[in-house]
C-alpha atoms as a PDB file:
ATOM      1  CA  MET A   1      -2.931  20.044   2.020  1.00  0.00           C
ATOM      2  CA  ALA A   2       0.734  19.101   2.237  1.00  0.00           C
ATOM      3  CA  THR A   3       2.864  19.333  -0.860  1.00  0.00           C
ATOM      4  CA  ALA A   4       4.563  16.297  -2.309  1.00  0.00           C
ATOM      5  CA  PRO A   5       8.331  16.030  -1.963  1.00  0.00           C
ATOM      6  CA  ARG A   6      10.521  16.966  -4.922  1.00  0.00           C
ATOM      7  CA  LEU A   7      10.653  14.570  -7.812  1.00  0.00           C
ATOM      8  CA  THR A   8      13.930  12.716  -7.463  1.00  0.00           C
ATOM      9  CA  LYS A   9      15.684  10.688 -10.143  1.00  0.00           C
ATOM     10  CA  GLU A  10      14.296   7.524  -8.538  1.00  0.00           C
ATOM     11  CA  LYS A  11      10.718   8.807  -8.729  1.00  0.00           C
ATOM     12  CA  ILE A  12      11.190   9.898 -12.328  1.00  0.00           C
ATOM     13  CA  ASP A  13      12.513   6.392 -13.072  1.00  0.00           C
ATOM     14  CA  ILE A  14       9.353   4.934 -11.502  1.00  0.00           C
ATOM     15  CA  ALA A  15       7.238   7.243 -13.669  1.00  0.00           C
ATOM     16  CA  LEU A  16       9.202   6.217 -16.760  1.00  0.00           C
ATOM     17  CA  SER A  17       8.793   2.545 -15.905  1.00  0.00           C
ATOM     18  CA  LEU A  18       5.042   3.042 -15.521  1.00  0.00           C
ATOM     19  CA  LEU A  19       4.965   4.895 -18.825  1.00  0.00           C
ATOM     20  CA  ASP A  20       6.949   2.124 -20.537  1.00  0.00           C
ATOM     21  CA  SER A  21       4.557  -0.568 -19.331  1.00  0.00           C
ATOM     22  CA  TRP A  22       1.437   1.404 -20.249  1.00  0.00           C
ATOM     23  CA  VAL A  23      -1.177  -0.381 -22.369  1.00  0.00           C
ATOM     24  CA  GLY A  24      -4.379   1.250 -23.532  1.00  0.00           C
ATOM     25  CA  LYS A  25      -5.473   4.856 -23.669  1.00  0.00           C
ATOM     26  CA  LEU A  26      -2.931   7.166 -22.044  1.00  0.00           C
ATOM     27  CA  THR A  27      -4.447  10.121 -20.192  1.00  0.00           C
ATOM     28  CA  TRP A  28      -2.999  12.375 -17.529  1.00  0.00           C
ATOM     29  CA  ASP A  29      -5.731  11.507 -15.030  1.00  0.00           C
ATOM     30  CA  ARG A  30      -5.091   7.779 -15.340  1.00  0.00           C
ATOM     31  CA  PHE A  31      -1.337   8.142 -15.360  1.00  0.00           C
ATOM     32  CA  LEU A  32      -1.190  10.470 -12.335  1.00  0.00           C
ATOM     33  CA  ALA A  33      -3.562   8.221 -10.354  1.00  0.00           C
ATOM     34  CA  LEU A  34      -1.374   5.159 -10.890  1.00  0.00           C
ATOM     35  CA  LEU A  35       1.824   7.096 -10.279  1.00  0.00           C
ATOM     36  CA  GLU A  36       0.378   8.186  -6.942  1.00  0.00           C
ATOM     37  CA  LEU A  37      -0.156   4.509  -6.038  1.00  0.00           C
ATOM     38  CA  ASP A  38       3.400   3.592  -7.012  1.00  0.00           C
ATOM     39  CA  VAL A  39       5.187   6.603  -5.490  1.00  0.00           C
ATOM     40  CA  GLY A  40       2.905   7.393  -2.570  1.00  0.00           C
ATOM     41  CA  HIS A  41       2.544  11.102  -3.399  1.00  0.00           C
ATOM     42  CA  LYS A  42       0.374  13.034  -5.815  1.00  0.00           C
ATOM     43  CA  TYR A  43       2.326  14.914  -8.462  1.00  0.00           C
ATOM     44  CA  THR A  44       1.068  17.277 -11.135  1.00  0.00           C
ATOM     45  CA  LYS A  45       1.425  17.225 -14.876  1.00  0.00           C
ATOM     46  CA  ALA A  46       3.533  20.393 -14.718  1.00  0.00           C
ATOM     47  CA  ALA A  47       5.933  18.878 -12.175  1.00  0.00           C
ATOM     48  CA  LEU A  48       6.527  15.845 -14.387  1.00  0.00           C
ATOM     49  CA  LEU A  49       6.884  17.838 -17.593  1.00  0.00           C
ATOM     50  CA  ARG A  50       9.678  19.939 -16.016  1.00  0.00           C
ATOM     51  CA  HIS A  51      11.923  16.898 -16.372  1.00  0.00           C
ATOM     52  CA  PRO A  52      13.201  16.699 -19.963  1.00  0.00           C
ATOM     53  CA  LYS A  53      13.706  12.919 -19.916  1.00  0.00           C
ATOM     54  CA  PHE A  54      10.111  12.353 -18.836  1.00  0.00           C
ATOM     55  CA  LYS A  55       8.697  14.985 -21.217  1.00  0.00           C
ATOM     56  CA  LYS A  56      10.482  13.423 -24.197  1.00  0.00           C
ATOM     57  CA  ASN A  57       9.170   9.939 -23.361  1.00  0.00           C
ATOM     58  CA  TRP A  58       5.683  11.214 -22.591  1.00  0.00           C
ATOM     59  CA  ASP A  59       5.459  13.056 -25.914  1.00  0.00           C
ATOM     60  CA  SER A  60       6.586  10.008 -27.877  1.00  0.00           C
ATOM     61  CA  LYS A  61       4.298   7.598 -25.988  1.00  0.00           C
ATOM     62  CA  ARG A  62       1.316   9.947 -26.077  1.00  0.00           C
ATOM     63  CA  TRP A  63       0.829   9.682 -29.818  1.00  0.00           C
ATOM     64  CA  ILE A  64       1.360   5.940 -30.167  1.00  0.00           C
ATOM     65  CA  LYS A  65      -1.898   4.204 -31.036  1.00  0.00           C
ATOM     66  CA  ASN A  66      -2.350   1.324 -28.587  1.00  0.00           C
ATOM     67  CA  ASP A  67      -4.301  -1.774 -29.478  1.00  0.00           C
ATOM     68  CA  GLU A  68      -7.288  -1.732 -27.151  1.00  0.00           C
ATOM     69  CA  SER A  69      -8.483  -5.276 -27.904  1.00  0.00           C
ATOM     70  CA  ASP A  70      -6.664  -6.575 -24.818  1.00  0.00           C
ATOM     71  CA  VAL A  71      -7.653  -3.546 -22.765  1.00  0.00           C
ATOM     72  CA  ASN A  72     -11.116  -4.882 -21.963  1.00  0.00           C
ATOM     73  CA  ASN A  73      -9.636  -8.022 -20.404  1.00  0.00           C
ATOM     74  CA  SER A  74      -6.759  -6.344 -18.580  1.00  0.00           C
ATOM     75  CA  TYR A  75      -8.563  -3.252 -17.253  1.00  0.00           C
ATOM     76  CA  GLY A  76      -6.490  -1.028 -19.480  1.00  0.00           C
ATOM     77  CA  PHE A  77      -2.912  -1.308 -18.284  1.00  0.00           C
ATOM     78  CA  LYS A  78      -0.450  -3.338 -16.298  1.00  0.00           C
ATOM     79  CA  GLY A  79      -0.276  -0.857 -13.432  1.00  0.00           C
ATOM     80  CA  LEU A  80      -3.952  -1.266 -12.651  1.00  0.00           C
ATOM     81  CA  ASN A  81      -3.614  -5.054 -12.685  1.00  0.00           C
ATOM     82  CA  SER A  82      -0.805  -4.861 -10.147  1.00  0.00           C
ATOM     83  CA  ALA A  83      -2.862  -2.435  -8.053  1.00  0.00           C
ATOM     84  CA  LEU A  84      -5.800  -4.849  -8.144  1.00  0.00           C
ATOM     85  CA  ALA A  85      -3.493  -7.695  -7.117  1.00  0.00           C
ATOM     86  CA  LYS A  86      -2.206  -5.604  -4.202  1.00  0.00           C
ATOM     87  CA  ILE A  87      -5.771  -4.801  -3.166  1.00  0.00           C
ATOM     88  CA  ASP A  88      -6.716  -8.507  -3.228  1.00  0.00           C
ATOM     89  CA  LYS A  89      -3.652  -9.379  -1.154  1.00  0.00           C
ATOM     90  CA  LEU A  90      -4.403  -6.644   1.377  1.00  0.00           C
ATOM     91  CA  GLU A  91      -8.062  -7.687   1.625  1.00  0.00           C
ATOM     92  CA  ASN A  92      -6.981 -11.279   2.315  1.00  0.00           C
ATOM     93  CA  THR A  93      -4.516 -10.046   4.949  1.00  0.00           C
ATOM     94  CA  ILE A  94      -7.226  -7.947   6.600  1.00  0.00           C
ATOM     95  CA  GLU A  95      -9.600 -10.924   6.646  1.00  0.00           C
ATOM     96  CA  ARG A  96      -6.922 -13.148   8.221  1.00  0.00           C
ATOM     97  CA  LEU A  97      -6.018 -10.547  10.854  1.00  0.00           C
ATOM     98  CA  GLU A  98      -9.687  -9.991  11.737  1.00  0.00           C
ATOM     99  CA  LYS A  99     -10.095 -13.751  12.329  1.00  0.00           C
ATOM    100  CA  GLU A 100      -6.956 -13.818  14.496  1.00  0.00           C
ATOM    101  CA  ASN A 101      -8.213 -10.784  16.424  1.00  0.00           C
ATOM    102  CA  ASN A 102     -11.593 -12.446  17.055  1.00  0.00           C
ATOM    103  CA  LEU A 103      -9.857 -15.578  18.392  1.00  0.00           C
ATOM    104  CA  LEU A 104      -7.750 -13.451  20.736  1.00  0.00           C
ATOM    105  CA  ILE A 105     -10.848 -11.586  21.955  1.00  0.00           C
ATOM    106  CA  GLU A 106     -12.570 -14.913  22.662  1.00  0.00           C
ATOM    107  CA  LYS A 107      -9.503 -16.110  24.571  1.00  0.00           C
ATOM    108  CA  PHE A 108      -9.451 -12.852  26.553  1.00  0.00           C
ATOM    109  CA  VAL A 109     -13.109 -13.287  27.507  1.00  0.00           C
ATOM    110  CA  VAL A 110     -12.350 -16.801  28.799  1.00  0.00           C
ATOM    111  CA  TRP A 111      -9.377 -15.523  30.818  1.00  0.00           C
ATOM    112  CA  ALA A 112     -11.369 -12.587  32.213  1.00  0.00           C
ATOM    113  CA  THR A 113     -14.216 -14.890  33.240  1.00  0.00           C
ATOM    114  CA  ASN A 114     -11.835 -17.359  34.907  1.00  0.00           C
ATOM    115  CA  ALA A 115     -10.045 -14.533  36.700  1.00  0.00           C
ATOM    116  CA  ALA A 116     -13.338 -13.118  37.981  1.00  0.00           C
ATOM    117  CA  ASN A 117     -14.449 -16.580  39.152  1.00  0.00           C
ATOM    118  CA  LYS A 118     -11.187 -17.038  41.077  1.00  0.00           C
ATOM    119  CA  GLY A 119     -11.593 -13.629  42.725  1.00  0.00           C
ATOM    120  CA  ILE A 120      -8.558 -12.039  41.081  1.00  0.00           C
ATOM    121  CA  THR A 121      -8.765  -8.261  41.238  1.00  0.00           C
ATOM    122  CA  LEU A 122      -7.968  -5.810  38.467  1.00  0.00           C
ATOM    123  CA  ASP A 123      -4.912  -4.606  40.417  1.00  0.00           C
ATOM    124  CA  GLU A 124      -3.579  -8.162  40.549  1.00  0.00           C
ATOM    125  CA  LEU A 125      -4.137  -8.577  36.809  1.00  0.00           C
ATOM    126  CA  ASN A 126      -2.298  -5.327  36.043  1.00  0.00           C
ATOM    127  CA  LYS A 127       0.654  -6.182  38.266  1.00  0.00           C
ATOM    128  CA  PRO A 128       3.879  -6.215  36.192  1.00  0.00           C
ATOM    129  CA  ILE A 129       5.590  -9.512  35.555  1.00  0.00           C
ATOM    130  CA  PRO A 130       8.544  -9.899  37.928  1.00  0.00           C
ATOM    131  CA  THR A 131      11.957 -10.037  36.340  1.00  0.00           C
ATOM    132  CA  ASN A 132      15.063 -11.479  37.870  1.00  0.00           C
ATOM    133  CA  SER A 133      17.694  -8.798  37.418  1.00  0.00           C
ATOM    134  CA  ASN A 134      20.418 -11.118  38.742  1.00  0.00           C
ATOM    135  CA  LYS A 135      20.158 -13.429  35.746  1.00  0.00           C
ATOM    136  CA  GLU A 136      22.300 -12.679  32.759  1.00  0.00           C
ATOM    137  CA  PHE A 137      20.602 -13.111  29.432  1.00  0.00           C
ATOM    138  CA  ARG A 138      22.619 -14.404  26.544  1.00  0.00           C
END
């Protein structure tokens, strides 16, 4: 397993921003999971607590009692809502790309059938497109 890169000031700022926007019960497991989504690497509790700015903010936020009445509707915190929104967007993108891919496959089948009917060989199909090296492109 590869180790995560060092925690830079920018990554600590991301962690602090996530901590600032936290709503609901604050646990290390939840926090580290969302930080991994935001930063792209998995960091440990010890690595984060080595940074005094983060440790100070964590300690103060840890003991604040959050109102959990809104937690049931918002899945607990803003970070998870944004992650869910990203997931929805990516699922829609995947669906769109799969449809486009299926259309291209259908078009390829038509072209392959027409080429076979015309007696075009595989070598002729794989022949590179000629370029005119005398032309200057602007």
